[in-house]
Amino acid sequence: MSRITLMALGLIECGIAAWVVAGKRMRQAAIVQTALLLAMNAGGLIWAWHLIPDPPGMILQNLAFLILIWVAAKDAPHHAHE
C-alpha cells in the first residue's frame, strides 16, 4: 500500500510541476500545493513523527517553500481568460 501511495504522490507532484510550468491559474496551483504540503506534513507528524529526524526543521523548510510558491504565484502574469 505504501508503494502505491508514494507512486501516486509522485505522479501528483509531477502533475503540479507541469501545471506550474504551463503558467496557468498559478494561484489555484499554489492553493493545491499548499493543501498537499500541509496534508503531507500533518500525516508525517501524526503517524511517522518518530521517523522524522528534525520536525521543526522540516516545518521551517516547508514554510520557506510555501513562501516561495506564493511569491511566484503572485508575480505570475495574470491572463484575462483565466
C-alpha atoms as a PDB file:
ATOM      1  CA  MET A   1       0.000   0.000   0.000  1.00  0.00           C
ATOM      2  CA  SER A   2       2.743   2.492   0.863  1.00  0.00           C
ATOM      3  CA  ARG A   3       4.442   1.895  -2.506  1.00  0.00           C
ATOM      4  CA  ILE A   4       1.205   2.715  -4.343  1.00  0.00           C
ATOM      5  CA  THR A   5       0.708   5.801  -2.167  1.00  0.00           C
ATOM      6  CA  LEU A   6       4.244   7.016  -2.858  1.00  0.00           C
ATOM      7  CA  MET A   7       3.848   6.445  -6.603  1.00  0.00           C
ATOM      8  CA  ALA A   8       0.520   8.311  -6.605  1.00  0.00           C
ATOM      9  CA  LEU A   9       2.058  11.157  -4.631  1.00  0.00           C
ATOM     10  CA  GLY A  10       4.950  11.346  -7.090  1.00  0.00           C
ATOM     11  CA  LEU A  11       2.535  11.489 -10.025  1.00  0.00           C
ATOM     12  CA  ILE A  12       0.514  14.220  -8.308  1.00  0.00           C
ATOM     13  CA  GLU A  13       3.672  16.250  -7.662  1.00  0.00           C
ATOM     14  CA  CYS A  14       4.723  15.819 -11.315  1.00  0.00           C
ATOM     15  CA  GLY A  15       1.266  16.989 -12.368  1.00  0.00           C
ATOM     16  CA  ILE A  16       1.584  20.085 -10.199  1.00  0.00           C
ATOM     17  CA  ALA A  17       5.043  20.739 -11.663  1.00  0.00           C
ATOM     18  CA  ALA A  18       3.627  20.523 -15.198  1.00  0.00           C
ATOM     19  CA  TRP A  19       0.806  22.873 -14.149  1.00  0.00           C
ATOM     20  CA  VAL A  20       3.309  25.424 -12.845  1.00  0.00           C
ATOM     21  CA  VAL A  21       5.474  25.161 -15.969  1.00  0.00           C
ATOM     22  CA  ALA A  22       2.359  25.778 -18.076  1.00  0.00           C
ATOM     23  CA  GLY A  23       1.862  29.025 -16.148  1.00  0.00           C
ATOM     24  CA  LYS A  24      -1.918  28.773 -15.984  1.00  0.00           C
ATOM     25  CA  ARG A  25      -4.000  29.586 -12.914  1.00  0.00           C
ATOM     26  CA  MET A  26      -0.972  29.955 -10.685  1.00  0.00           C
ATOM     27  CA  ARG A  27      -2.997  30.973  -7.633  1.00  0.00           C
ATOM     28  CA  GLN A  28      -5.006  27.753  -7.831  1.00  0.00           C
ATOM     29  CA  ALA A  29      -1.786  25.762  -8.277  1.00  0.00           C
ATOM     30  CA  ALA A  30      -0.407  27.430  -5.153  1.00  0.00           C
ATOM     31  CA  ILE A  31      -3.567  26.523  -3.238  1.00  0.00           C
ATOM     32  CA  VAL A  32      -3.342  22.880  -4.322  1.00  0.00           C
ATOM     33  CA  GLN A  33       0.375  22.672  -3.483  1.00  0.00           C
ATOM     34  CA  THR A  34      -0.213  24.317  -0.094  1.00  0.00           C
ATOM     35  CA  ALA A  35      -3.016  21.888   0.772  1.00  0.00           C
ATOM     36  CA  LEU A  36      -0.942  18.899  -0.335  1.00  0.00           C
ATOM     37  CA  LEU A  37       2.120  20.028   1.612  1.00  0.00           C
ATOM     38  CA  LEU A  38       0.068  20.690   4.755  1.00  0.00           C
ATOM     39  CA  ALA A  39      -1.561  17.264   4.470  1.00  0.00           C
ATOM     40  CA  MET A  40       1.795  15.534   3.989  1.00  0.00           C
ATOM     41  CA  ASN A  41       3.349  17.386   6.926  1.00  0.00           C
ATOM     42  CA  ALA A  42       0.372  16.671   9.175  1.00  0.00           C
ATOM     43  CA  GLY A  43       0.391  12.996   8.201  1.00  0.00           C
ATOM     44  CA  GLY A  44       4.104  12.740   8.824  1.00  0.00           C
ATOM     45  CA  LEU A  45       3.873  14.445  12.193  1.00  0.00           C
ATOM     46  CA  ILE A  46       0.883  12.331  13.269  1.00  0.00           C
ATOM     47  CA  TRP A  47       1.853   8.869  12.002  1.00  0.00           C
ATOM     48  CA  ALA A  48       5.608   8.965  11.390  1.00  0.00           C
ATOM     49  CA  TRP A  49       6.905  11.565  13.830  1.00  0.00           C
ATOM     50  CA  HIS A  50       9.460   9.093  15.141  1.00  0.00           C
ATOM     51  CA  LEU A  51      10.980   8.746  11.647  1.00  0.00           C
ATOM     52  CA  ILE A  52      11.430  12.491  11.096  1.00  0.00           C
ATOM     53  CA  PRO A  53      14.874  13.462  12.398  1.00  0.00           C
ATOM     54  CA  ASP A  54      14.129  17.193  12.756  1.00  0.00           C
ATOM     55  CA  PRO A  55      10.386  18.020  12.807  1.00  0.00           C
ATOM     56  CA  PRO A  56      10.866  21.772  13.483  1.00  0.00           C
ATOM     57  CA  GLY A  57      13.425  21.923  10.678  1.00  0.00           C
ATOM     58  CA  MET A  58      11.033  20.152   8.315  1.00  0.00           C
ATOM     59  CA  ILE A  59       8.291  22.641   9.140  1.00  0.00           C
ATOM     60  CA  LEU A  60      10.652  25.594   8.687  1.00  0.00           C
ATOM     61  CA  GLN A  61      11.890  24.332   5.311  1.00  0.00           C
ATOM     62  CA  ASN A  62       8.363  23.731   4.093  1.00  0.00           C
ATOM     63  CA  LEU A  63       7.269  27.156   5.315  1.00  0.00           C
ATOM     64  CA  ALA A  64      10.069  28.718   3.259  1.00  0.00           C
ATOM     65  CA  PHE A  65       8.953  26.611   0.270  1.00  0.00           C
ATOM     66  CA  LEU A  66       5.354  27.805   0.681  1.00  0.00           C
ATOM     67  CA  ILE A  67       6.508  31.425   0.823  1.00  0.00           C
ATOM     68  CA  LEU A  68       8.339  30.929  -2.479  1.00  0.00           C
ATOM     69  CA  ILE A  69       5.263  29.274  -4.003  1.00  0.00           C
ATOM     70  CA  TRP A  70       3.038  32.214  -3.055  1.00  0.00           C
ATOM     71  CA  VAL A  71       5.573  34.822  -4.182  1.00  0.00           C
ATOM     72  CA  ALA A  72       5.814  33.070  -7.554  1.00  0.00           C
ATOM     73  CA  ALA A  73       2.014  32.807  -7.825  1.00  0.00           C
ATOM     74  CA  LYS A  74       1.624  36.495  -7.002  1.00  0.00           C
ATOM     75  CA  ASP A  75       4.274  37.551  -9.523  1.00  0.00           C
ATOM     76  CA  ALA A  76       2.854  35.372 -12.298  1.00  0.00           C
ATOM     77  CA  PRO A  77       1.277  37.324 -15.144  1.00  0.00           C
ATOM     78  CA  HIS A  78      -2.498  37.481 -14.985  1.00  0.00           C
ATOM     79  CA  HIS A  79      -4.387  36.276 -18.029  1.00  0.00           C
ATOM     80  CA  ALA A  80      -7.738  37.817 -18.893  1.00  0.00           C
ATOM     81  CA  HIS A  81      -9.177  34.448 -19.951  1.00  0.00           C
ATOM     82  CA  GLU A  82      -8.454  32.769 -16.616  1.00  0.00           C
END
